[in-house]
Amino acid sequence: MSAASRARFAEVVRAEPVDTALACLLVGCEVEPDLSLEAAYATLDRLAAGVRLASHAPEDVARGLQRALGQEAGFGGREGDYDDLRSSLLHEVLRRGRGLPITLSVVWREVAARLGVPAVCLGLPGHVMVCLGDPVGEHVVVDPFHGGVPRQVEPAPLLEGNDLLLRVLTNIRALTARSFESARTRLWATELSLLLPRHPLELRRERGELLVRLGSYEAGAAELEAYAAAVPDDELAEQVRRSARLSRARLN
């Protein structure tokens, strides 16, 4: 991602309301700097144009989206998609028709919005679905990962804005292994997470450790010291400061 793209991401996540679709597309600029946002939006527009609705009643909307997105366009997910970085990148999901529950839910919600239908993501444990209609009134919950089939679920919190973005970025961080390139992926996901107005303090330590691992000893040490200054646990803070000193020692 260029400095301009990151600056735009930081601007988007601090706006109200947060344009989560745009933010998710800007995440994709980390792996594809010349990504065309216009092409991604055109795909969403085309998908919406292909939806046929008998009415705007939630049941009819659910059927229309399931038919157009799940059956005709083939959007959905498989277990193997959880290990594929592309499943967490909205532009790749639009290209491939496959993704994680959360990115597929963003697709469903964006298409519904283009049809003038209220839709919100639901943060169920380990899974994300979409509520079509009024969450406290008439609505239908659909499961985009399984092609948009309707589900009966217990009440779940809405997953919107920065909470949704943090979950997307956490998924990316979680799938990285111990290879050098995976550390680079984890680093940019961590750095984007730190741009969110609300994020776990522990991400500062993670960024510092990743910078050290990738050979940026001075920058990594500075980040570790910043984390140590903010953490309330004195023993942990001293442990992190020792790591920072060791990092600087590697410069000699």
C-alpha atoms as a PDB file:
ATOM      1  CA  MET A   1       0.000   0.000   0.000  1.00  0.00           C
ATOM      2  CA  SER A   2       1.314   3.448  -0.841  1.00  0.00           C
ATOM      3  CA  ALA A   3       1.500   6.205   1.726  1.00  0.00           C
ATOM      4  CA  ALA A   4      -1.480   7.799  -0.018  1.00  0.00           C
ATOM      5  CA  SER A   5      -3.553   4.620   0.268  1.00  0.00           C
ATOM      6  CA  ARG A   6      -2.750   4.263   3.959  1.00  0.00           C
ATOM      7  CA  ALA A   7      -3.609   7.904   4.538  1.00  0.00           C
ATOM      8  CA  ARG A   8      -6.927   7.327   2.821  1.00  0.00           C
ATOM      9  CA  PHE A   9      -7.540   4.200   4.920  1.00  0.00           C
ATOM     10  CA  ALA A  10      -6.852   6.204   8.093  1.00  0.00           C
ATOM     11  CA  GLU A  11      -9.279   8.885   6.903  1.00  0.00           C
ATOM     12  CA  VAL A  12     -12.014   6.385   6.051  1.00  0.00           C
ATOM     13  CA  VAL A  13     -11.860   4.549   9.392  1.00  0.00           C
ATOM     14  CA  ARG A  14     -12.163   7.827  11.280  1.00  0.00           C
ATOM     15  CA  ALA A  15     -15.241   8.974   9.373  1.00  0.00           C
ATOM     16  CA  GLU A  16     -18.769   8.449  10.641  1.00  0.00           C
ATOM     17  CA  PRO A  17     -20.282   6.253   9.450  1.00  0.00           C
ATOM     18  CA  VAL A  18     -17.314   4.141   8.367  1.00  0.00           C
ATOM     19  CA  ASP A  19     -17.422   3.034   4.742  1.00  0.00           C
ATOM     20  CA  THR A  20     -16.370  -0.534   5.504  1.00  0.00           C
ATOM     21  CA  ALA A  21     -16.506  -1.668   1.880  1.00  0.00           C
ATOM     22  CA  LEU A  22     -14.063   1.062   0.841  1.00  0.00           C
ATOM     23  CA  ALA A  23     -11.843   0.299   3.839  1.00  0.00           C
ATOM     24  CA  CYS A  24     -11.825  -3.415   2.956  1.00  0.00           C
ATOM     25  CA  LEU A  25     -10.848  -2.578  -0.612  1.00  0.00           C
ATOM     26  CA  LEU A  26      -8.041  -0.332   0.640  1.00  0.00           C
ATOM     27  CA  VAL A  27      -6.742  -3.286   2.664  1.00  0.00           C
ATOM     28  CA  GLY A  28      -6.338  -5.037  -0.677  1.00  0.00           C
ATOM     29  CA  CYS A  29      -3.967  -2.293  -1.816  1.00  0.00           C
ATOM     30  CA  GLU A  30      -1.386  -3.850   0.525  1.00  0.00           C
ATOM     31  CA  VAL A  31      -1.044  -6.807  -1.842  1.00  0.00           C
ATOM     32  CA  GLU A  32      -2.098  -5.075  -5.064  1.00  0.00           C
ATOM     33  CA  PRO A  33      -0.970  -1.431  -5.029  1.00  0.00           C
ATOM     34  CA  ASP A  34      -2.556  -0.650  -8.402  1.00  0.00           C
ATOM     35  CA  LEU A  35      -5.913  -2.161  -7.422  1.00  0.00           C
ATOM     36  CA  SER A  36      -8.816  -0.529  -9.256  1.00  0.00           C
ATOM     37  CA  LEU A  37     -11.470   0.469  -6.740  1.00  0.00           C
ATOM     38  CA  GLU A  38     -13.725   1.429  -9.624  1.00  0.00           C
ATOM     39  CA  ALA A  39     -13.625  -2.117 -11.010  1.00  0.00           C
ATOM     40  CA  ALA A  40     -14.591  -3.543  -7.621  1.00  0.00           C
ATOM     41  CA  TYR A  41     -17.508  -1.127  -7.303  1.00  0.00           C
ATOM     42  CA  ALA A  42     -18.575  -1.977 -10.854  1.00  0.00           C
ATOM     43  CA  THR A  43     -18.700  -5.658  -9.874  1.00  0.00           C
ATOM     44  CA  LEU A  44     -20.942  -4.872  -6.902  1.00  0.00           C
ATOM     45  CA  ASP A  45     -23.183  -2.775  -9.156  1.00  0.00           C
ATOM     46  CA  ARG A  46     -23.379  -5.605 -11.706  1.00  0.00           C
ATOM     47  CA  LEU A  47     -24.251  -8.127  -9.002  1.00  0.00           C
ATOM     48  CA  ALA A  48     -27.019  -5.867  -7.703  1.00  0.00           C
ATOM     49  CA  ALA A  49     -28.387  -5.396 -11.224  1.00  0.00           C
ATOM     50  CA  GLY A  50     -28.736  -9.167 -11.519  1.00  0.00           C
ATOM     51  CA  VAL A  51     -30.945  -9.534  -8.433  1.00  0.00           C
ATOM     52  CA  ARG A  52     -34.651 -10.026  -9.138  1.00  0.00           C
ATOM     53  CA  LEU A  53     -36.953  -9.192  -6.252  1.00  0.00           C
ATOM     54  CA  ALA A  54     -40.645  -9.970  -5.943  1.00  0.00           C
ATOM     55  CA  SER A  55     -40.801  -7.276  -3.239  1.00  0.00           C
ATOM     56  CA  HIS A  56     -38.645  -5.580  -0.629  1.00  0.00           C
ATOM     57  CA  ALA A  57     -39.982  -7.829   2.115  1.00  0.00           C
ATOM     58  CA  PRO A  58     -37.040  -9.493   3.923  1.00  0.00           C
ATOM     59  CA  GLU A  59     -38.128 -12.995   2.829  1.00  0.00           C
ATOM     60  CA  ASP A  60     -38.252 -11.970  -0.832  1.00  0.00           C
ATOM     61  CA  VAL A  61     -34.930 -10.154  -0.564  1.00  0.00           C
ATOM     62  CA  ALA A  62     -33.326 -13.239   1.023  1.00  0.00           C
ATOM     63  CA  ARG A  63     -34.630 -15.431  -1.812  1.00  0.00           C
ATOM     64  CA  GLY A  64     -33.494 -12.964  -4.466  1.00  0.00           C
ATOM     65  CA  LEU A  65     -29.987 -12.649  -3.041  1.00  0.00           C
ATOM     66  CA  GLN A  66     -29.622 -16.377  -2.531  1.00  0.00           C
ATOM     67  CA  ARG A  67     -30.609 -17.017  -6.123  1.00  0.00           C
ATOM     68  CA  ALA A  68     -28.478 -14.246  -7.677  1.00  0.00           C
ATOM     69  CA  LEU A  69     -25.385 -14.377  -5.481  1.00  0.00           C
ATOM     70  CA  GLY A  70     -25.340 -17.888  -4.079  1.00  0.00           C
ATOM     71  CA  GLN A  71     -26.708 -19.910  -6.995  1.00  0.00           C
ATOM     72  CA  GLU A  72     -26.123 -17.924 -10.182  1.00  0.00           C
ATOM     73  CA  ALA A  73     -22.908 -16.055  -9.294  1.00  0.00           C
ATOM     74  CA  GLY A  74     -21.621 -18.890  -7.093  1.00  0.00           C
ATOM     75  CA  PHE A  75     -20.570 -16.824  -4.073  1.00  0.00           C
ATOM     76  CA  GLY A  76     -19.841 -18.928  -0.999  1.00  0.00           C
ATOM     77  CA  GLY A  77     -17.052 -20.511   0.984  1.00  0.00           C
ATOM     78  CA  ARG A  78     -15.311 -23.775   1.753  1.00  0.00           C
ATOM     79  CA  GLU A  79     -13.247 -24.929   4.691  1.00  0.00           C
ATOM     80  CA  GLY A  80     -10.017 -24.553   2.698  1.00  0.00           C
ATOM     81  CA  ASP A  81     -10.738 -20.856   2.209  1.00  0.00           C
ATOM     82  CA  TYR A  82      -9.823 -20.170   5.836  1.00  0.00           C
ATOM     83  CA  ASP A  83      -6.150 -20.783   4.970  1.00  0.00           C
ATOM     84  CA  ASP A  84      -6.152 -18.525   1.904  1.00  0.00           C
ATOM     85  CA  LEU A  85      -5.254 -14.843   2.286  1.00  0.00           C
ATOM     86  CA  ARG A  86      -7.411 -14.015  -0.741  1.00  0.00           C
ATOM     87  CA  SER A  87     -10.493 -15.023   1.241  1.00  0.00           C
ATOM     88  CA  SER A  88      -9.931 -12.028   3.526  1.00  0.00           C
ATOM     89  CA  LEU A  89      -9.466  -9.511   0.677  1.00  0.00           C
ATOM     90  CA  LEU A  90     -12.720  -8.077  -0.635  1.00  0.00           C
ATOM     91  CA  HIS A  91     -11.465  -7.471  -4.169  1.00  0.00           C
ATOM     92  CA  GLU A  92     -10.322 -11.105  -4.440  1.00  0.00           C
ATOM     93  CA  VAL A  93     -13.661 -12.332  -3.096  1.00  0.00           C
ATOM     94  CA  LEU A  94     -15.410 -10.328  -5.818  1.00  0.00           C
ATOM     95  CA  ARG A  95     -13.116 -11.871  -8.440  1.00  0.00           C
ATOM     96  CA  ARG A  96     -13.240 -15.476  -7.223  1.00  0.00           C
ATOM     97  CA  GLY A  97     -16.686 -15.685  -5.627  1.00  0.00           C
ATOM     98  CA  ARG A  98     -15.133 -17.342  -2.575  1.00  0.00           C
ATOM     99  CA  GLY A  99     -14.228 -15.966   0.825  1.00  0.00           C
ATOM    100  CA  LEU A 100     -14.629 -16.051   4.561  1.00  0.00           C
ATOM    101  CA  PRO A 101     -18.013 -15.487   6.212  1.00  0.00           C
ATOM    102  CA  ILE A 102     -17.099 -11.893   7.053  1.00  0.00           C
ATOM    103  CA  THR A 103     -15.981 -10.808   3.570  1.00  0.00           C
ATOM    104  CA  LEU A 104     -18.870 -12.617   1.919  1.00  0.00           C
ATOM    105  CA  SER A 105     -21.206 -10.866   4.348  1.00  0.00           C
ATOM    106  CA  VAL A 106     -19.781  -7.525   3.215  1.00  0.00           C
ATOM    107  CA  VAL A 107     -20.645  -8.500  -0.375  1.00  0.00           C
ATOM    108  CA  TRP A 108     -24.221  -9.422   0.604  1.00  0.00           C
ATOM    109  CA  ARG A 109     -24.645  -6.214   2.578  1.00  0.00           C
ATOM    110  CA  GLU A 110     -23.253  -4.013  -0.204  1.00  0.00           C
ATOM    111  CA  VAL A 111     -25.501  -5.608  -2.817  1.00  0.00           C
ATOM    112  CA  ALA A 112     -28.527  -5.247  -0.526  1.00  0.00           C
ATOM    113  CA  ALA A 113     -27.695  -1.571   0.008  1.00  0.00           C
ATOM    114  CA  ARG A 114     -27.684  -1.025  -3.753  1.00  0.00           C
ATOM    115  CA  LEU A 115     -31.190  -2.471  -3.823  1.00  0.00           C
ATOM    116  CA  GLY A 116     -32.345  -0.082  -1.117  1.00  0.00           C
ATOM    117  CA  VAL A 117     -32.666  -2.876   1.449  1.00  0.00           C
ATOM    118  CA  PRO A 118     -31.428  -2.399   5.046  1.00  0.00           C
ATOM    119  CA  ALA A 119     -28.743  -4.988   5.880  1.00  0.00           C
ATOM    120  CA  VAL A 120     -26.278  -5.367   8.728  1.00  0.00           C
ATOM    121  CA  CYS A 121     -23.616  -7.911   9.606  1.00  0.00           C
ATOM    122  CA  LEU A 122     -24.055 -10.036  12.722  1.00  0.00           C
ATOM    123  CA  GLY A 123     -21.031 -11.066  14.772  1.00  0.00           C
ATOM    124  CA  LEU A 124     -21.855 -14.579  15.861  1.00  0.00           C
ATOM    125  CA  PRO A 125     -19.160 -16.618  17.652  1.00  0.00           C
ATOM    126  CA  GLY A 126     -16.728 -17.823  14.992  1.00  0.00           C
ATOM    127  CA  HIS A 127     -19.063 -16.855  12.164  1.00  0.00           C
ATOM    128  CA  VAL A 128     -20.581 -13.780  10.526  1.00  0.00           C
ATOM    129  CA  MET A 129     -24.006 -13.597   8.887  1.00  0.00           C
ATOM    130  CA  VAL A 130     -26.239 -10.885   7.486  1.00  0.00           C
ATOM    131  CA  CYS A 131     -29.524  -9.589   8.839  1.00  0.00           C
ATOM    132  CA  LEU A 132     -31.818  -8.341   6.063  1.00  0.00           C
ATOM    133  CA  GLY A 133     -34.473  -5.904   7.227  1.00  0.00           C
ATOM    134  CA  ASP A 134     -34.975  -4.424  10.679  1.00  0.00           C
ATOM    135  CA  PRO A 135     -32.815  -6.232  13.299  1.00  0.00           C
ATOM    136  CA  VAL A 136     -35.410  -5.478  15.995  1.00  0.00           C
ATOM    137  CA  GLY A 137     -38.412  -5.950  13.713  1.00  0.00           C
ATOM    138  CA  GLU A 138     -39.182  -7.920  10.561  1.00  0.00           C
ATOM    139  CA  HIS A 139     -35.992  -9.482   9.244  1.00  0.00           C
ATOM    140  CA  VAL A 140     -34.336 -12.593   7.845  1.00  0.00           C
ATOM    141  CA  VAL A 141     -30.822 -13.779   8.751  1.00  0.00           C
ATOM    142  CA  VAL A 142     -28.848 -15.337   5.899  1.00  0.00           C
ATOM    143  CA  ASP A 143     -25.546 -17.218   5.819  1.00  0.00           C
ATOM    144  CA  PRO A 144     -23.433 -15.982   2.858  1.00  0.00           C
ATOM    145  CA  PHE A 145     -20.713 -18.573   3.501  1.00  0.00           C
ATOM    146  CA  HIS A 146     -23.266 -21.251   2.601  1.00  0.00           C
ATOM    147  CA  GLY A 147     -24.699 -19.441  -0.398  1.00  0.00           C
ATOM    148  CA  GLY A 148     -27.079 -17.180   1.493  1.00  0.00           C
ATOM    149  CA  VAL A 149     -29.376 -19.796   3.006  1.00  0.00           C
ATOM    150  CA  PRO A 150     -31.688 -18.446   5.754  1.00  0.00           C
ATOM    151  CA  ARG A 151     -30.773 -19.314   9.330  1.00  0.00           C
ATOM    152  CA  GLN A 152     -32.495 -19.251  12.683  1.00  0.00           C
ATOM    153  CA  VAL A 153     -29.991 -17.757  15.130  1.00  0.00           C
ATOM    154  CA  GLU A 154     -29.929 -16.427  18.647  1.00  0.00           C
ATOM    155  CA  PRO A 155     -29.735 -12.627  19.017  1.00  0.00           C
ATOM    156  CA  ALA A 156     -26.232 -11.477  18.110  1.00  0.00           C
ATOM    157  CA  PRO A 157     -24.426  -8.120  18.227  1.00  0.00           C
ATOM    158  CA  LEU A 158     -24.207  -6.028  15.105  1.00  0.00           C
ATOM    159  CA  LEU A 159     -20.752  -6.081  13.521  1.00  0.00           C
ATOM    160  CA  GLU A 160     -20.122  -2.793  11.781  1.00  0.00           C
ATOM    161  CA  GLY A 161     -17.510  -0.149  11.167  1.00  0.00           C
ATOM    162  CA  ASN A 162     -14.169  -0.506  12.894  1.00  0.00           C
ATOM    163  CA  ASP A 163     -15.212  -3.620  14.798  1.00  0.00           C
ATOM    164  CA  LEU A 164     -15.770  -5.381  11.476  1.00  0.00           C
ATOM    165  CA  LEU A 165     -12.462  -4.109  10.082  1.00  0.00           C
ATOM    166  CA  LEU A 166     -10.534  -5.212  13.158  1.00  0.00           C
ATOM    167  CA  ARG A 167     -12.041  -8.685  12.771  1.00  0.00           C
ATOM    168  CA  VAL A 168     -11.007  -8.796   9.083  1.00  0.00           C
ATOM    169  CA  LEU A 169      -7.453  -7.753   9.943  1.00  0.00           C
ATOM    170  CA  THR A 170      -7.315 -10.155  12.881  1.00  0.00           C
ATOM    171  CA  ASN A 171      -8.208 -12.979  10.499  1.00  0.00           C
ATOM    172  CA  ILE A 172      -5.304 -11.977   8.264  1.00  0.00           C
ATOM    173  CA  ARG A 173      -2.900 -11.839  11.203  1.00  0.00           C
ATOM    174  CA  ALA A 174      -4.120 -15.215  12.460  1.00  0.00           C
ATOM    175  CA  LEU A 175      -3.446 -17.113   9.245  1.00  0.00           C
ATOM    176  CA  THR A 176       0.176 -16.040   8.925  1.00  0.00           C
ATOM    177  CA  ALA A 177       2.769 -18.677   9.709  1.00  0.00           C
ATOM    178  CA  ARG A 178       6.442 -18.266  10.598  1.00  0.00           C
ATOM    179  CA  SER A 179       7.915 -17.630   7.155  1.00  0.00           C
ATOM    180  CA  PHE A 180       9.586 -14.325   6.266  1.00  0.00           C
ATOM    181  CA  GLU A 181       6.879 -13.320   3.805  1.00  0.00           C
ATOM    182  CA  SER A 182       4.134 -14.222   6.273  1.00  0.00           C
ATOM    183  CA  ALA A 183       5.785 -11.909   8.783  1.00  0.00           C
ATOM    184  CA  ARG A 184       5.529  -9.114   6.237  1.00  0.00           C
ATOM    185  CA  THR A 185       1.834  -9.865   5.755  1.00  0.00           C
ATOM    186  CA  ARG A 186       1.273  -9.904   9.501  1.00  0.00           C
ATOM    187  CA  LEU A 187       3.135  -6.598   9.811  1.00  0.00           C
ATOM    188  CA  TRP A 188       0.944  -4.690   7.381  1.00  0.00           C
ATOM    189  CA  ALA A 189      -2.201  -6.191   8.906  1.00  0.00           C
ATOM    190  CA  THR A 190      -0.966  -5.091  12.331  1.00  0.00           C
ATOM    191  CA  GLU A 191      -0.092  -1.608  11.101  1.00  0.00           C
ATOM    192  CA  LEU A 192      -3.523  -1.152   9.531  1.00  0.00           C
ATOM    193  CA  SER A 193      -5.120  -2.354  12.774  1.00  0.00           C
ATOM    194  CA  LEU A 194      -3.171   0.336  14.626  1.00  0.00           C
ATOM    195  CA  LEU A 195      -4.746   2.972  12.371  1.00  0.00           C
ATOM    196  CA  LEU A 196      -8.192   2.084  13.707  1.00  0.00           C
ATOM    197  CA  PRO A 197      -9.455   4.504  16.381  1.00  0.00           C
ATOM    198  CA  ARG A 198      -9.899   1.570  18.778  1.00  0.00           C
ATOM    199  CA  HIS A 199      -7.403  -1.285  18.855  1.00  0.00           C
ATOM    200  CA  PRO A 200      -5.744  -3.564  21.421  1.00  0.00           C
ATOM    201  CA  LEU A 201      -2.622  -2.108  23.030  1.00  0.00           C
ATOM    202  CA  GLU A 202      -0.909  -5.469  22.495  1.00  0.00           C
ATOM    203  CA  LEU A 203      -0.680  -4.649  18.786  1.00  0.00           C
ATOM    204  CA  ARG A 204       2.078  -2.145  19.575  1.00  0.00           C
ATOM    205  CA  ARG A 205       4.216  -4.939  20.987  1.00  0.00           C
ATOM    206  CA  GLU A 206       3.380  -7.181  18.051  1.00  0.00           C
ATOM    207  CA  ARG A 207       4.457  -4.518  15.580  1.00  0.00           C
ATOM    208  CA  GLY A 208       7.730  -4.016  17.436  1.00  0.00           C
ATOM    209  CA  GLU A 209       8.510  -7.724  17.492  1.00  0.00           C
ATOM    210  CA  LEU A 210       7.703  -8.067  13.797  1.00  0.00           C
ATOM    211  CA  LEU A 211       9.951  -5.139  12.885  1.00  0.00           C
ATOM    212  CA  VAL A 212      12.805  -6.739  14.827  1.00  0.00           C
ATOM    213  CA  ARG A 213      12.173 -10.068  13.136  1.00  0.00           C
ATOM    214  CA  LEU A 214      12.323  -8.388   9.735  1.00  0.00           C
ATOM    215  CA  GLY A 215      15.600  -6.648  10.557  1.00  0.00           C
ATOM    216  CA  SER A 216      14.359  -3.149  11.452  1.00  0.00           C
ATOM    217  CA  TYR A 217      16.038  -3.249  14.856  1.00  0.00           C
ATOM    218  CA  GLU A 218      15.929   0.454  15.735  1.00  0.00           C
ATOM    219  CA  ALA A 219      12.299   0.951  14.679  1.00  0.00           C
ATOM    220  CA  GLY A 220      11.311  -2.266  16.418  1.00  0.00           C
ATOM    221  CA  ALA A 221      13.059  -1.242  19.640  1.00  0.00           C
ATOM    222  CA  ALA A 222      11.330   2.149  19.596  1.00  0.00           C
ATOM    223  CA  GLU A 223       7.920   0.498  19.184  1.00  0.00           C
ATOM    224  CA  LEU A 224       8.641  -1.945  22.002  1.00  0.00           C
ATOM    225  CA  GLU A 225       9.641   0.924  24.278  1.00  0.00           C
ATOM    226  CA  ALA A 226       6.450   2.801  23.393  1.00  0.00           C
ATOM    227  CA  TYR A 227       4.444  -0.279  24.331  1.00  0.00           C
ATOM    228  CA  ALA A 228       6.383  -0.692  27.594  1.00  0.00           C
ATOM    229  CA  ALA A 229       5.635   2.922  28.514  1.00  0.00           C
ATOM    230  CA  ALA A 230       1.908   2.354  28.052  1.00  0.00           C
ATOM    231  CA  VAL A 231       1.398  -1.108  29.563  1.00  0.00           C
ATOM    232  CA  PRO A 232       0.285  -1.044  33.238  1.00  0.00           C
ATOM    233  CA  ASP A 233       2.115  -4.264  34.190  1.00  0.00           C
ATOM    234  CA  ASP A 234       5.571  -3.234  35.502  1.00  0.00           C
ATOM    235  CA  GLU A 235       7.050  -6.722  35.190  1.00  0.00           C
ATOM    236  CA  LEU A 236       5.853  -7.069  31.605  1.00  0.00           C
ATOM    237  CA  ALA A 237       7.073  -3.556  30.796  1.00  0.00           C
ATOM    238  CA  GLU A 238      10.581  -4.389  32.017  1.00  0.00           C
ATOM    239  CA  GLN A 239      10.567  -7.623  30.033  1.00  0.00           C
ATOM    240  CA  VAL A 240       9.686  -5.703  26.867  1.00  0.00           C
ATOM    241  CA  ARG A 241      12.335  -3.066  27.580  1.00  0.00           C
ATOM    242  CA  ARG A 242      14.927  -5.863  27.784  1.00  0.00           C
ATOM    243  CA  SER A 243      13.782  -7.041  24.366  1.00  0.00           C
ATOM    244  CA  ALA A 244      14.210  -3.496  23.059  1.00  0.00           C
ATOM    245  CA  ARG A 245      17.750  -3.317  24.452  1.00  0.00           C
ATOM    246  CA  LEU A 246      18.603  -6.649  22.844  1.00  0.00           C
ATOM    247  CA  SER A 247      17.261  -5.380  19.544  1.00  0.00           C
ATOM    248  CA  ARG A 248      19.465  -2.298  19.649  1.00  0.00           C
ATOM    249  CA  ALA A 249      22.448  -4.447  20.587  1.00  0.00           C
ATOM    250  CA  ARG A 250      22.054  -6.243  17.261  1.00  0.00           C
ATOM    251  CA  LEU A 251      22.922  -2.977  15.501  1.00  0.00           C
ATOM    252  CA  ASN A 252      26.517  -3.159  16.785  1.00  0.00           C
END
